[in-house]
Protein backbone atom coordinates (compact mmCIF):
# COMPACT_ATOMS: atom_id res chain seq x y z
CA ALA A 1 4.27 -12.28 24.72
CA ARG A 2 1.24 -11.85 26.94
CA MET A 3 -2.28 -11.22 25.69
CA ARG A 4 -4.30 -8.34 27.06
CA GLY A 5 -7.75 -9.46 26.03
CA PHE A 6 -10.14 -10.10 23.19
CA THR A 7 -12.90 -8.03 21.65
CA ASN A 8 -15.70 -9.84 19.86
CA LEU A 9 -16.11 -8.75 16.24
CA LYS A 10 -19.18 -10.59 14.94
CA HIS A 11 -20.53 -8.60 12.01
CA GLN A 12 -23.42 -9.46 9.72
CA LEU A 13 -22.13 -8.26 6.34
CA LYS A 14 -24.79 -8.14 3.64
CA LEU A 15 -24.26 -8.93 -0.03
CA GLY A 16 -25.08 -5.99 -2.29
CA ALA A 17 -25.18 -5.25 -5.99
CA LEU A 18 -21.49 -4.34 -6.07
CA GLY A 19 -20.38 -7.55 -4.44
CA TRP A 20 -20.57 -6.42 -0.82
CA LEU A 21 -19.25 -9.08 1.51
CA ALA A 22 -21.29 -11.94 2.90
CA ALA A 23 -19.05 -13.03 5.74
CA SER A 24 -19.42 -13.15 9.51
CA SER A 25 -16.11 -11.71 10.66
CA VAL A 26 -12.38 -11.75 10.31
CA SER A 27 -9.49 -11.95 12.69
CA VAL A 28 -7.09 -9.02 12.91
CA ALA A 29 -4.27 -9.29 15.41
CA ALA A 30 -2.39 -6.33 16.82
CA ALA A 31 1.06 -6.21 18.30
CA GLY A 32 2.39 -3.41 20.46
CA GLN A 33 5.07 -2.69 22.96
CA GLN A 34 5.31 -0.59 26.07
CA HIS A 35 6.87 2.85 25.75
CA SER A 36 10.61 2.85 26.35
CA PHE A 37 13.68 4.59 25.03
CA MET A 38 14.29 3.52 21.45
CA LYS A 39 16.97 4.49 18.98
CA ARG A 40 16.04 6.29 15.76
CA LEU A 41 16.05 4.25 12.59
CA ASP A 42 18.28 4.99 9.65
CA THR A 43 16.70 4.61 6.21
CA SER A 44 18.95 1.61 5.58
CA ALA A 45 16.69 -0.33 7.97
CA VAL A 46 14.36 -0.90 5.01
CA GLN A 47 16.94 -3.37 3.69
CA GLY A 48 15.93 -5.68 6.54
CA MET A 49 12.27 -5.74 5.46
CA LYS A 50 10.97 -8.05 2.76
CA GLY A 51 9.53 -6.32 -0.30
CA ALA A 52 7.83 -7.40 -3.51
CA LEU A 53 6.83 -6.35 -7.01
CA LEU A 54 3.90 -7.42 -9.17
CA ILE A 55 4.71 -9.30 -12.39
CA LYS A 56 2.09 -9.19 -15.19
CA ASN A 57 2.27 -11.65 -18.07
CA GLY A 58 5.98 -12.01 -17.38
CA ASP A 59 6.65 -8.25 -17.34
CA VAL A 60 7.99 -6.42 -14.31
CA THR A 61 5.80 -3.52 -13.13
CA THR A 62 6.39 -0.55 -10.86
CA CYS A 63 3.64 -1.86 -8.55
CA GLU A 64 4.94 -2.67 -5.09
CA LEU A 65 3.14 -4.98 -2.70
CA ALA A 66 2.41 -4.76 1.00
CA LEU A 67 3.23 -8.28 2.13
CA ILE A 68 0.88 -9.89 4.64
CA SER A 69 2.66 -13.24 4.70
CA ASN A 70 4.35 -15.70 2.37
CA MET A 71 0.85 -16.41 1.03
CA ALA A 72 -0.96 -13.06 0.67
CA ALA A 73 -0.32 -9.39 -0.11
CA PHE A 74 -2.06 -6.10 -0.82
CA VAL A 75 -1.54 -4.35 -4.17
CA ALA A 76 -3.03 -1.21 -5.70
CA ALA A 77 -6.18 -2.09 -7.64
CA ASN A 78 -5.16 0.13 -10.56
CA CYS A 79 -2.22 -2.21 -11.17
CA LEU A 80 -4.61 -4.92 -12.34
CA ASP A 81 -6.37 -5.58 -15.66
CA TYR A 82 -10.17 -5.59 -15.88
CA THR A 83 -12.75 -6.72 -18.38
CA ASP A 84 -14.06 -3.79 -20.40
CA GLY A 85 -16.29 -1.41 -18.49
CA THR A 86 -16.39 -3.46 -15.30
CA ASN A 87 -14.59 -3.92 -12.01
CA THR A 88 -14.16 -7.61 -12.76
CA VAL A 89 -10.52 -8.63 -12.83
CA ASP A 90 -9.56 -9.99 -16.25
CA PRO A 91 -8.85 -13.71 -15.74
CA SER A 92 -6.65 -13.86 -18.83
CA THR A 93 -3.85 -11.82 -17.23
CA VAL A 94 -1.21 -13.93 -15.51
CA TYR A 95 0.09 -12.45 -12.26
CA GLN A 96 3.13 -13.35 -10.21
CA VAL A 97 4.63 -12.02 -6.99
CA MET A 98 8.41 -11.52 -6.87
CA ILE A 99 9.64 -11.20 -3.28
CA SER A 100 13.00 -9.78 -2.23
CA ASP A 101 14.87 -10.27 1.01
CA GLY A 102 14.72 -6.50 1.47
CA ASN A 103 17.96 -5.77 -0.33
CA THR A 104 19.36 -7.35 -3.51
CA SER A 105 18.37 -11.03 -3.37
CA THR A 106 15.15 -12.77 -4.42
CA ILE A 107 13.38 -15.08 -1.96
CA GLY A 108 11.06 -16.45 -4.60
CA THR A 109 8.64 -15.76 -7.45
CA TYR A 110 5.15 -17.16 -6.96
CA SER A 111 2.14 -17.56 -9.23
CA VAL A 112 -0.95 -15.71 -8.04
CA ASP A 113 -3.86 -18.07 -7.44
CA GLU A 114 -6.56 -15.55 -6.57
CA VAL A 115 -7.05 -11.82 -7.20
CA ASP A 116 -9.72 -9.72 -5.48
CA ALA A 117 -10.14 -6.00 -6.12
CA HIS A 118 -12.07 -3.95 -3.58
CA PRO A 119 -15.74 -3.95 -4.67
CA ARG A 120 -15.90 -0.15 -4.39
CA TYR A 121 -12.69 0.57 -6.26
CA ASP A 122 -13.28 3.54 -8.56
CA PRO A 123 -10.97 3.50 -11.63
CA ASP A 124 -11.79 7.14 -12.38
CA THR A 125 -10.93 8.67 -9.00
CA TYR A 126 -8.81 5.82 -7.52
CA ALA A 127 -10.99 5.66 -4.41
CA ASN A 128 -10.57 2.39 -2.45
CA ASN A 129 -7.57 1.57 -4.59
CA VAL A 130 -6.72 -1.74 -2.95
CA ALA A 131 -6.72 -5.38 -4.02
CA LEU A 132 -5.66 -8.62 -2.41
CA LEU A 133 -3.47 -11.31 -3.96
CA LYS A 134 -3.30 -14.91 -2.78
CA TYR A 135 -0.33 -16.98 -3.91
CA ASN A 136 1.82 -19.89 -2.84
CA ASN A 137 -1.35 -21.82 -1.99
CA GLY A 138 -0.85 -25.20 -0.40
CA SER A 139 2.11 -24.11 1.67
CA GLN A 140 2.17 -23.27 5.37
CA VAL A 141 2.47 -19.78 6.85
CA GLU A 142 6.23 -19.43 7.29
CA TRP A 143 6.45 -15.71 8.03
CA LYS A 144 4.21 -12.70 8.37
CA ASN A 145 4.50 -8.93 8.22
CA TYR A 146 2.77 -6.33 10.35
CA ILE A 147 0.82 -3.46 8.79
CA ALA A 148 1.37 -0.11 10.49
CA ALA A 149 -1.86 1.09 12.07
CA ASP A 150 -1.69 4.41 13.91
CA PRO A 151 -0.07 7.46 12.27
CA ASN A 152 -0.35 9.42 15.49
CA GLU A 153 2.47 7.25 16.84
CA TRP A 154 4.84 7.82 13.96
CA ASP A 155 8.05 9.78 14.34
CA SER A 156 8.38 9.94 10.56
CA GLU A 157 7.61 8.12 7.33
CA PHE A 158 9.91 6.31 4.92
CA TYR A 159 8.94 6.46 1.25
CA VAL A 160 10.43 3.44 -0.52
CA GLN A 161 11.04 2.42 -4.12
CA ARG A 162 12.01 -1.15 -4.98
CA THR A 163 13.31 -1.95 -8.49
CA LEU A 164 15.17 -4.66 -10.37
CA VAL A 165 18.53 -4.06 -12.02
CA SER A 166 17.40 -5.01 -15.52
CA ASN A 167 13.59 -5.16 -15.06
CA THR A 168 13.48 -8.89 -15.73
CA THR A 169 12.36 -11.67 -13.42
CA THR A 170 15.85 -13.19 -13.54
CA SER A 171 17.48 -9.95 -12.44
CA SER A 172 18.83 -9.07 -9.03
CA TRP A 173 17.35 -6.19 -7.05
CA ASN A 174 18.69 -2.70 -6.65
CA SER A 175 19.07 -1.61 -3.06
CA PRO A 176 15.86 0.18 -2.07
CA GLN A 177 15.66 3.92 -2.65
CA VAL A 178 14.39 5.55 0.57
CA VAL A 179 13.58 9.09 1.63
CA GLN A 180 12.50 10.14 5.11
CA ALA A 181 9.59 12.54 5.63
CA SER A 182 7.62 13.70 8.64
CA GLY A 183 4.91 16.06 9.75
CA SER A 184 2.34 17.79 7.59
CA ALA A 185 1.57 17.07 3.95
CA PRO A 186 3.03 19.52 1.43
CA SER A 187 1.01 22.59 0.58
CA GLY A 188 -1.33 21.90 -2.32
CA CYS A 189 -2.13 18.21 -1.70
CA SER A 190 -5.85 18.88 -1.22
CA SER A 191 -6.07 21.31 -4.14
CA ALA A 192 -4.47 18.74 -6.43
CA SER A 193 -6.83 15.92 -5.39
CA ALA A 194 -10.46 16.22 -4.33
CA LEU A 195 -10.32 12.56 -3.31
CA TYR A 196 -7.47 13.27 -0.90
CA ALA A 197 -9.26 16.35 0.44
CA ALA A 198 -12.31 14.22 1.31
CA ASN A 199 -10.31 11.28 2.76
CA GLN A 200 -7.16 12.52 4.44
CA VAL A 201 -7.27 9.70 6.99
CA ASP A 202 -6.87 7.22 4.13
CA PHE A 203 -3.93 8.81 2.33
CA MET A 204 -0.40 10.04 2.62
CA CYS A 205 0.68 12.77 0.20
CA THR A 206 4.20 13.78 -0.76
CA THR A 207 6.00 15.66 -3.50
CA ASP A 208 9.11 13.51 -3.04
CA THR A 209 10.15 11.58 -6.14
CA VAL A 210 13.06 9.47 -7.36
CA SER A 211 15.22 10.71 -10.24
CA GLU A 212 15.32 8.34 -13.21
CA GLY A 213 18.57 8.05 -15.13
CA SER A 214 20.54 11.15 -16.03
CA GLY A 215 17.62 13.10 -17.47
CA SER A 216 14.84 15.13 -15.90
CA CYS A 217 12.40 12.26 -15.47
CA VAL A 218 11.16 11.37 -11.99
CA MET A 219 9.14 8.51 -10.51
CA PRO A 220 7.01 8.28 -7.37
CA TYR A 221 8.09 6.00 -4.56
CA GLY A 222 6.18 2.70 -4.49
CA SER A 223 5.22 2.41 -0.82
CA VAL A 224 5.24 4.23 2.50
CA TYR A 225 6.35 2.89 5.88
CA GLY A 226 5.53 4.17 9.37
CA VAL A 227 8.43 4.69 11.77
CA ASN A 228 8.14 4.56 15.56
CA GLY A 229 11.45 4.57 17.38
CA ASP A 230 13.19 1.47 16.10
CA ASN A 231 9.95 -0.03 14.78
CA LEU A 232 9.29 -0.02 11.05
CA ALA A 233 6.30 -1.31 9.09
CA VAL A 234 4.66 -0.88 5.71
CA ALA A 235 1.66 1.44 5.95
CA GLY A 236 0.47 2.13 2.43
CA LEU A 237 0.91 1.69 -1.31
CA TYR A 238 1.33 4.15 -4.16
CA SER A 239 -2.07 4.97 -5.62
CA HIS A 240 -1.79 7.87 -8.08
CA SER A 241 -0.15 11.19 -8.91
CA MET A 242 -1.33 14.57 -10.10
CA ILE A 243 1.26 16.05 -12.48
CA ILE A 244 1.32 19.82 -12.76
CA GLY A 245 2.80 19.96 -16.23
CA ASP A 246 3.11 17.67 -19.24
CA SER A 247 4.64 14.48 -17.86
CA LEU A 248 6.91 12.95 -15.25
CA CYS A 249 9.78 14.26 -17.38
CA ASN A 250 8.49 17.81 -17.82
CA ASN A 251 6.56 19.28 -14.90
CA GLN A 252 6.34 22.04 -12.35
CA GLY A 253 5.43 19.63 -9.58
CA VAL A 254 4.11 16.15 -8.86
CA PHE A 255 1.74 15.32 -5.98
CA ASN A 256 1.91 11.62 -5.10
CA TYR A 257 -0.82 9.86 -3.10
CA TYR A 258 -0.53 6.64 -1.10
CA THR A 259 -3.51 4.58 0.07
CA LEU A 260 -3.14 3.67 3.72
CA LEU A 261 -4.13 0.08 4.44
CA SER A 262 -5.37 0.20 8.02
CA ASN A 263 -9.04 0.72 7.17
CA TYR A 264 -8.93 -2.17 4.67
CA LEU A 265 -7.44 -4.85 6.92
CA GLU A 266 -10.83 -6.34 7.83
CA TRP A 267 -11.79 -6.56 4.15
CA GLY A 268 -8.40 -8.05 3.34
CA GLY A 269 -8.72 -10.63 6.09
CA VAL A 270 -12.12 -11.73 4.77
CA MET A 271 -10.75 -12.14 1.26
CA ALA A 272 -7.56 -13.88 2.43
CA GLN A 273 -9.47 -16.01 4.95
CA SER A 274 -6.58 -15.55 7.34
CA THR A 275 -5.36 -13.31 10.12
CA ILE A 276 -3.75 -9.99 9.19
CA TYR A 277 -1.41 -8.54 11.78
CA LEU A 278 -1.16 -4.84 12.55
CA PHE A 279 1.27 -2.88 14.68
CA ALA A 280 0.47 -0.16 17.22
CA VAL A 281 2.31 0.89 20.34
CA ASP A 282 -0.78 2.19 22.14
CA GLN A 283 -2.39 -0.68 24.03
CA SER A 284 -5.82 0.93 23.72
CA TYR A 285 -5.64 1.54 19.96
CA VAL A 286 -8.75 0.31 18.14
CA ASN A 287 -8.54 -0.30 14.40
CA ASN A 288 -11.45 -0.08 11.96
CA ASP A 289 -13.36 -3.35 12.23
CA HIS A 290 -15.79 -2.93 9.33
CA ALA A 291 -14.97 -4.99 6.27
CA ASN A 292 -17.32 -2.87 4.16
CA TYR A 293 -15.38 0.33 4.79
CA THR A 294 -15.34 2.71 1.83
CA MET A 295 -13.96 6.18 1.17
CA ASN A 296 -16.03 9.35 0.97
CA ASP A 297 -16.94 10.50 -2.51
CA PRO A 298 -14.77 13.42 -3.68
CA THR A 299 -16.45 16.79 -4.10
CA GLY A 300 -15.26 20.02 -5.67
CA SER A 301 -12.67 20.66 -8.34
CA THR A 302 -8.90 20.29 -8.51
CA VAL A 303 -6.07 22.16 -10.12
CA SER A 304 -5.35 21.54 -13.79
CA GLY A 305 -3.05 18.59 -14.28
CA ILE A 306 -2.58 15.02 -15.48
CA LEU A 307 -3.78 12.17 -13.28
CA ILE A 308 -1.76 8.97 -13.52
CA GLY A 309 -1.59 5.73 -11.56
CA GLY A 310 -1.02 2.00 -11.76
CA ASP A 311 2.01 0.51 -13.50
CA LEU A 312 4.01 3.57 -14.54
CA TYR A 313 6.19 1.54 -16.89
CA ALA A 314 3.15 1.65 -19.17
CA ILE A 315 3.65 5.38 -19.64
CA PRO A 316 6.44 5.86 -22.24
CA THR A 317 7.72 9.10 -20.70
CA ALA A 318 7.48 7.91 -17.12
CA SER A 319 10.99 6.50 -17.07
CA SER A 320 13.90 6.67 -19.45
CA SER A 321 14.77 3.10 -18.52
CA ALA A 322 11.25 1.63 -18.57
CA SER A 323 11.04 -1.67 -20.38
CA SER A 324 7.78 -3.21 -19.20
CA SER A 325 4.90 -3.13 -21.67
CA SER A 326 1.29 -4.02 -20.92
CA ALA A 327 -0.53 -2.50 -17.94
CA THR A 328 -3.76 -0.74 -17.15
CA THR A 329 -2.40 2.64 -16.20
CA SER A 330 -4.96 5.42 -16.20
CA SER A 331 -4.06 8.84 -17.51
CA THR A 332 -6.69 11.53 -17.23
CA SER A 333 -6.78 15.26 -16.70
CA SER A 334 -9.06 17.61 -14.84
CA GLU A 335 -9.34 21.38 -14.97
CA SER A 336 -9.91 23.77 -12.10
CA SER A 337 -9.07 27.25 -10.95
CA THR A 338 -8.59 26.09 -7.39
CA GLU A 339 -5.42 27.47 -5.84
CA PRO A 340 -3.16 25.19 -3.79
CA ALA A 341 -3.53 25.60 -0.05
CA SER A 342 -1.60 24.12 2.82
CA GLU A 343 -3.07 21.42 5.02
CA SER A 344 -1.94 18.78 7.44
CA SER A 345 -1.95 15.07 6.69
CA THR A 346 -3.39 12.29 8.73
CA SER A 347 -1.78 9.00 7.85
CA GLU A 348 -2.40 5.46 8.98
CA ASP A 349 -0.71 2.24 9.94
CA ASN A 350 2.59 1.52 11.62
CA GLU A 351 4.29 -1.83 11.17
CA SER A 352 6.43 -3.93 13.42
CA SER A 353 10.14 -3.52 13.90
CA SER A 354 12.32 -5.44 11.50
CA SER A 355 13.09 -7.79 14.35
CA SER A 356 9.35 -8.45 14.70
CA GLU A 357 8.75 -9.01 10.99
CA GLU A 358 8.82 -12.73 11.44
CA GLY A 359 7.04 -13.87 14.57
CA ASP A 360 4.79 -16.46 16.06
CA GLU A 361 2.03 -16.70 13.47
CA ASN A 362 -0.35 -18.13 16.07
CA SER A 363 0.12 -15.37 18.63
CA GLY A 364 -3.28 -13.88 19.35
CA LYS A 365 -4.87 -15.70 16.43
CA SER A 366 -8.48 -16.38 17.29
CA SER A 367 -11.50 -16.53 15.01
CA ASN A 368 -13.98 -13.67 15.48
CA HIS A 369 -11.61 -11.75 17.73
CA ILE A 370 -9.01 -9.04 17.74
CA ALA A 371 -6.03 -10.06 19.79
CA ILE A 372 -4.05 -7.33 21.56
CA ILE A 373 -0.55 -8.61 22.13
CA LEU A 374 2.17 -6.91 24.14
CA ILE A 375 5.68 -7.74 23.05
């Protein structure tokens, strides 16, 4: 690899009432490659990418993780427990991270040592629905993942669901369920979510779901990956759904929203106190470098429906095979006469190829700098 150059990132981040960051800067490294002919990926390529699920008090959840390394990961903030009426993570909940090899085997299950929810996470709207987990402390960085960074480079997206055979921590994994999507968001995504309408650069929206069992129940996919040629990388995590109907088992449609991680990499790097690697083909791509990034407030009304998010095993009708119990899943409804309208989606993030998933952890790693690396 050869390095193209460094851009200084010194920021003075002020501490505010909501816990705004008091840190100087964070290192985010980017990897890219020159344009060349590349084969198209089959959805089975996901089996070559490590994945993970959140375990709460010994119970398996539906919450997938975006792995940063063998020591840190992003998770949706609405998958966590909080003390009543606050955004303070409840210290009594025991979290673990269960990591798969990408297919059916488990690499390891690790106790979470530190949990940080985004200080502007809104449990009512699911704005800034990201949190960072630190685990496996005391070990060395053995591998790292890239976070996909530029949706304009994507040929398509893979929506992925990772599950365990028996929903126990001793179980083997099912092969990932994957569906390929591309292009514009489905008609109605903005009408179903005012938050999405105000922050389309921070979300992916899809109506694709996974059938559960032999009944009519469906479940959202747990994560979204960006695809560029033969490069594949995790881009975002499931945030919430708007159900047009009564439940995931009885509905006329389900709009599923995924928080893209690119704008939160600086914040995540500050909390992890380590480099987070992103992937972009374009050598001139510049990622958000503000750790205090926050979404726009939603305005306007949405169609009538049921808003759900978090660990969906906590909703009895979410899955006919659900066995996990405690979780802080929100379930609210909002009324509106707004009619669905079509719109295009702007996504974010594109990860490395599966062959680049594990690389030189020191490549381009420099405090207070972004390293642009050409592979």
